[in-house]
Amino acid sequence: MAEFTLPRNSRLTEGKTWAPPKGAQTTRAYRIYRWNPDDGANPRIDTYQVDTDDCGPMVLDALIWIKNNIDPTLTFRRSCREGVCGSCAMNIDGRNTLACTKHMGESMAP
């Protein structure tokens, strides 16, 4: 198991905010915690605008859409997409949740 420690005196900062995709009619903002243990920088929150008409209904679909269309450096685990393996478990809205079973329309912080 890997153990990570945040930099001393680290403070969460606002990261990059990506513009909504051109031509998108309906978008949803995703605020994603990003931290790279190799660069020594503070963790940040990047904000992405997802075209909800162009991706599937689950949070995992939105993450895949972000990786494919906006930021290829976004990294996450996934496998079965059916809520069986637990590979896509992550903290969503302060709760440990499977991204493949969490519908993006469910109560999510803006």
Protein backbone atom coordinates (compact mmCIF):
# COMPACT_ATOMS: atom_id res chain seq x y z
CA MET A 1 0.00 0.00 0.00
CA ALA A 2 1.31 3.42 -0.93
CA GLU A 3 1.46 6.13 1.71
CA PHE A 4 1.52 9.78 0.77
CA THR A 5 2.15 12.81 2.90
CA LEU A 6 1.18 16.29 1.84
CA PRO A 7 3.86 18.98 1.75
CA ARG A 8 4.51 20.76 5.04
CA ASN A 9 2.16 23.75 5.52
CA SER A 10 0.15 22.60 2.53
CA ARG A 11 -3.01 24.49 1.73
CA LEU A 12 -5.65 23.53 -0.78
CA THR A 13 -5.56 26.00 -3.69
CA GLU A 14 -7.80 26.73 -6.64
CA GLY A 15 -6.37 25.14 -9.75
CA LYS A 16 -7.26 25.60 -13.37
CA THR A 17 -10.83 26.28 -14.45
CA TRP A 18 -11.60 24.91 -17.88
CA ALA A 19 -14.06 26.74 -20.13
CA PRO A 20 -17.29 25.03 -21.18
CA PRO A 21 -17.00 23.10 -24.45
CA LYS A 22 -17.96 25.06 -27.55
CA GLY A 23 -21.48 24.37 -28.68
CA ALA A 24 -22.50 22.65 -25.45
CA GLN A 25 -26.13 23.25 -24.54
CA THR A 26 -26.11 21.64 -21.08
CA THR A 27 -23.00 21.51 -18.91
CA ARG A 28 -22.18 20.41 -15.39
CA ALA A 29 -19.18 21.56 -13.37
CA TYR A 30 -16.93 18.98 -11.74
CA ARG A 31 -14.47 20.12 -9.08
CA ILE A 32 -11.70 17.54 -8.83
CA TYR A 33 -9.02 17.33 -6.14
CA ARG A 34 -5.60 17.04 -7.79
CA TRP A 35 -2.25 16.42 -6.10
CA ASN A 36 1.08 15.26 -7.47
CA PRO A 37 3.42 13.90 -4.76
CA ASP A 38 6.41 14.29 -7.09
CA ASP A 39 6.34 18.06 -7.63
CA GLY A 40 6.10 19.23 -4.00
CA ALA A 41 3.29 21.67 -4.83
CA ASN A 42 0.16 22.09 -2.75
CA PRO A 43 -2.97 20.15 -3.69
CA ARG A 44 -5.45 21.99 -5.87
CA ILE A 45 -9.04 21.82 -7.05
CA ASP A 46 -9.43 21.91 -10.84
CA THR A 47 -12.85 22.73 -12.30
CA TYR A 48 -14.06 21.08 -15.49
CA GLN A 49 -17.24 21.75 -17.48
CA VAL A 50 -18.71 18.56 -18.91
CA ASP A 51 -21.14 18.53 -21.85
CA THR A 52 -23.84 16.33 -20.33
CA ASP A 53 -25.48 15.79 -23.72
CA ASP A 54 -22.27 14.17 -24.99
CA CYS A 55 -21.53 11.68 -22.18
CA GLY A 56 -23.22 8.93 -20.20
CA PRO A 57 -25.27 9.50 -17.04
CA MET A 58 -22.83 8.30 -14.36
CA VAL A 59 -20.01 10.19 -12.64
CA LEU A 60 -17.54 7.68 -14.09
CA ASP A 61 -18.79 8.58 -17.59
CA ALA A 62 -18.11 12.24 -16.83
CA LEU A 63 -14.58 11.45 -15.63
CA ILE A 64 -13.89 9.46 -18.79
CA TRP A 65 -15.30 12.36 -20.85
CA ILE A 66 -12.98 14.81 -19.05
CA LYS A 67 -9.97 12.56 -19.67
CA ASN A 68 -10.82 12.05 -23.35
CA ASN A 69 -11.89 15.61 -24.21
CA ILE A 70 -10.23 18.06 -21.82
CA ASP A 71 -7.37 16.81 -19.65
CA PRO A 72 -5.54 13.59 -20.50
CA THR A 73 -3.47 13.92 -17.29
CA LEU A 74 -6.52 13.04 -15.15
CA THR A 75 -5.95 9.60 -13.65
CA PHE A 76 -8.37 7.26 -11.93
CA ARG A 77 -9.10 3.54 -11.64
CA ARG A 78 -11.97 1.72 -13.27
CA SER A 79 -12.73 -1.78 -14.38
CA CYS A 80 -16.15 -3.45 -14.53
CA ARG A 81 -18.45 -0.35 -14.68
CA GLU A 82 -21.18 -2.41 -12.96
CA GLY A 83 -20.58 -1.72 -9.25
CA VAL A 84 -19.08 -5.14 -8.65
CA CYS A 85 -15.31 -4.74 -8.46
CA GLY A 86 -15.03 -1.51 -6.43
CA SER A 87 -12.18 -0.28 -8.60
CA CYS A 88 -13.75 3.15 -9.18
CA ALA A 89 -14.34 3.87 -5.48
CA MET A 90 -13.65 7.52 -4.68
CA ASN A 91 -14.75 10.33 -2.43
CA ILE A 92 -17.70 12.05 -4.11
CA ASP A 93 -19.44 14.83 -2.18
CA GLY A 94 -17.63 13.78 0.99
CA ARG A 95 -18.78 10.16 0.84
CA ASN A 96 -16.99 7.06 -0.34
CA THR A 97 -18.89 6.08 -3.46
CA LEU A 98 -18.52 4.02 -6.61
CA ALA A 99 -18.29 6.43 -9.55
CA CYS A 100 -19.87 3.85 -11.86
CA THR A 101 -23.06 3.66 -9.80
CA LYS A 102 -23.37 7.36 -8.84
CA HIS A 103 -25.72 9.13 -11.25
CA MET A 104 -24.44 12.63 -12.10
CA GLY A 105 -27.93 14.02 -11.45
CA GLU A 106 -27.87 12.96 -7.80
CA SER A 107 -27.16 15.66 -5.26
CA MET A 108 -23.63 16.81 -6.02
CA ALA A 109 -22.05 20.01 -4.77
CA PRO A 110 -21.77 22.66 -7.52
